Amino acid sequence: MAELLGWTATTLFTLCYIPQIIKTYRTKTVEGLSFLLLLISFVANIIALAYATIIAQRPLQVKYILAMVFLAVCLVLYVRTYIDTGGRHPK
């Protein structure tokens, strides 16, 4: 049961990034999206991955790796959109 819960949480936590990626890509705006939140989350996932590796928790390791991938995509979209709009948040 514990493993099922772990993998379910991993799946849901991973999927939660997808709507933001789609929204940012479609709207070409980062208005209301915090770069600092994304950056801190990315660093926190690196630290959490180290912890999950030390305690040998495979679901957590997968979750943190996938979270870093999706956060990296969000960060790249954020920077690209910010540069493309000249540092402005288009309405």
Protein backbone atom coordinates (compact mmCIF):
# COMPACT_ATOMS: atom_id res chain seq x y z
CA MET A 1 0.00 0.00 0.00
CA ALA A 2 2.82 2.40 0.86
CA GLU A 3 4.44 1.88 -2.55
CA LEU A 4 1.12 2.47 -4.35
CA LEU A 5 0.65 5.72 -2.44
CA GLY A 6 4.20 6.76 -3.24
CA TRP A 7 3.82 6.18 -6.97
CA THR A 8 0.38 7.83 -7.02
CA ALA A 9 1.76 10.93 -5.33
CA THR A 10 4.73 10.92 -7.70
CA THR A 11 2.41 10.85 -10.70
CA LEU A 12 0.16 13.62 -9.40
CA PHE A 13 3.02 15.89 -8.30
CA THR A 14 4.60 15.44 -11.72
CA LEU A 15 1.41 16.16 -13.64
CA CYS A 16 0.77 19.39 -11.72
CA TYR A 17 3.46 21.20 -13.74
CA ILE A 18 1.91 20.46 -17.12
CA PRO A 19 -0.95 23.02 -17.01
CA GLN A 20 1.50 25.84 -16.22
CA ILE A 21 3.82 24.80 -19.05
CA ILE A 22 0.90 24.68 -21.50
CA LYS A 23 -0.50 28.02 -20.31
CA THR A 24 2.84 29.79 -20.54
CA TYR A 25 3.56 28.32 -23.97
CA ARG A 26 0.12 29.21 -25.38
CA THR A 27 -0.28 32.68 -23.90
CA LYS A 28 3.37 33.71 -24.29
CA THR A 29 3.08 35.53 -20.98
CA VAL A 30 4.64 35.01 -17.58
CA GLU A 31 2.38 37.50 -15.85
CA GLY A 32 1.59 36.24 -12.37
CA LEU A 33 4.26 33.54 -12.53
CA SER A 34 7.08 33.95 -10.03
CA PHE A 35 10.57 33.27 -11.35
CA LEU A 36 11.87 33.09 -7.78
CA LEU A 37 9.29 30.42 -6.88
CA LEU A 38 10.41 28.31 -9.85
CA LEU A 39 14.09 28.77 -9.01
CA ILE A 40 13.69 27.96 -5.31
CA SER A 41 11.57 24.92 -6.18
CA PHE A 42 14.25 23.72 -8.58
CA VAL A 43 16.99 24.01 -5.94
CA ALA A 44 14.75 22.37 -3.31
CA ASN A 45 14.16 19.43 -5.66
CA ILE A 46 17.91 18.96 -6.08
CA ILE A 47 18.33 18.78 -2.31
CA ALA A 48 15.29 16.52 -1.93
CA LEU A 49 16.65 14.20 -4.64
CA ALA A 50 19.88 13.85 -2.67
CA TYR A 51 17.84 12.99 0.43
CA ALA A 52 15.64 10.50 -1.44
CA THR A 53 18.76 8.86 -2.83
CA ILE A 54 20.32 8.55 0.61
CA ILE A 55 17.18 6.90 2.02
CA ALA A 56 16.73 4.82 -1.16
CA GLN A 57 13.15 5.86 -1.93
CA ARG A 58 12.62 5.18 -5.64
CA PRO A 59 9.21 6.94 -5.96
CA LEU A 60 10.65 10.08 -4.43
CA GLN A 61 13.73 9.92 -6.63
CA VAL A 62 11.56 9.70 -9.74
CA LYS A 63 9.32 12.51 -8.50
CA TYR A 64 12.22 14.87 -7.84
CA ILE A 65 13.92 14.09 -11.16
CA LEU A 66 10.71 14.66 -13.11
CA ALA A 67 9.95 17.80 -11.11
CA MET A 68 13.37 19.18 -12.01
CA VAL A 69 12.74 18.45 -15.69
CA PHE A 70 9.37 20.20 -15.65
CA LEU A 71 10.71 23.10 -13.57
CA ALA A 72 13.58 23.48 -16.02
CA VAL A 73 11.05 23.69 -18.86
CA CYS A 74 9.10 26.33 -16.89
CA LEU A 75 12.29 28.30 -16.22
CA VAL A 76 13.32 28.20 -19.88
CA LEU A 77 9.84 29.29 -21.00
CA TYR A 78 9.88 32.05 -18.40
CA VAL A 79 13.26 33.41 -19.50
CA ARG A 80 12.46 33.08 -23.21
CA THR A 81 9.10 34.83 -22.80
CA TYR A 82 10.62 37.54 -20.62
CA ILE A 83 13.35 38.20 -23.21
CA ASP A 84 10.90 38.07 -26.16
CA THR A 85 8.68 40.69 -24.51
CA GLY A 86 11.57 42.97 -23.65
CA GLY A 87 11.12 42.41 -19.93
CA ARG A 88 7.45 43.40 -20.03
CA HIS A 89 4.51 41.32 -18.95
CA PRO A 90 2.09 41.56 -21.90
CA LYS A 91 -1.61 41.80 -21.16
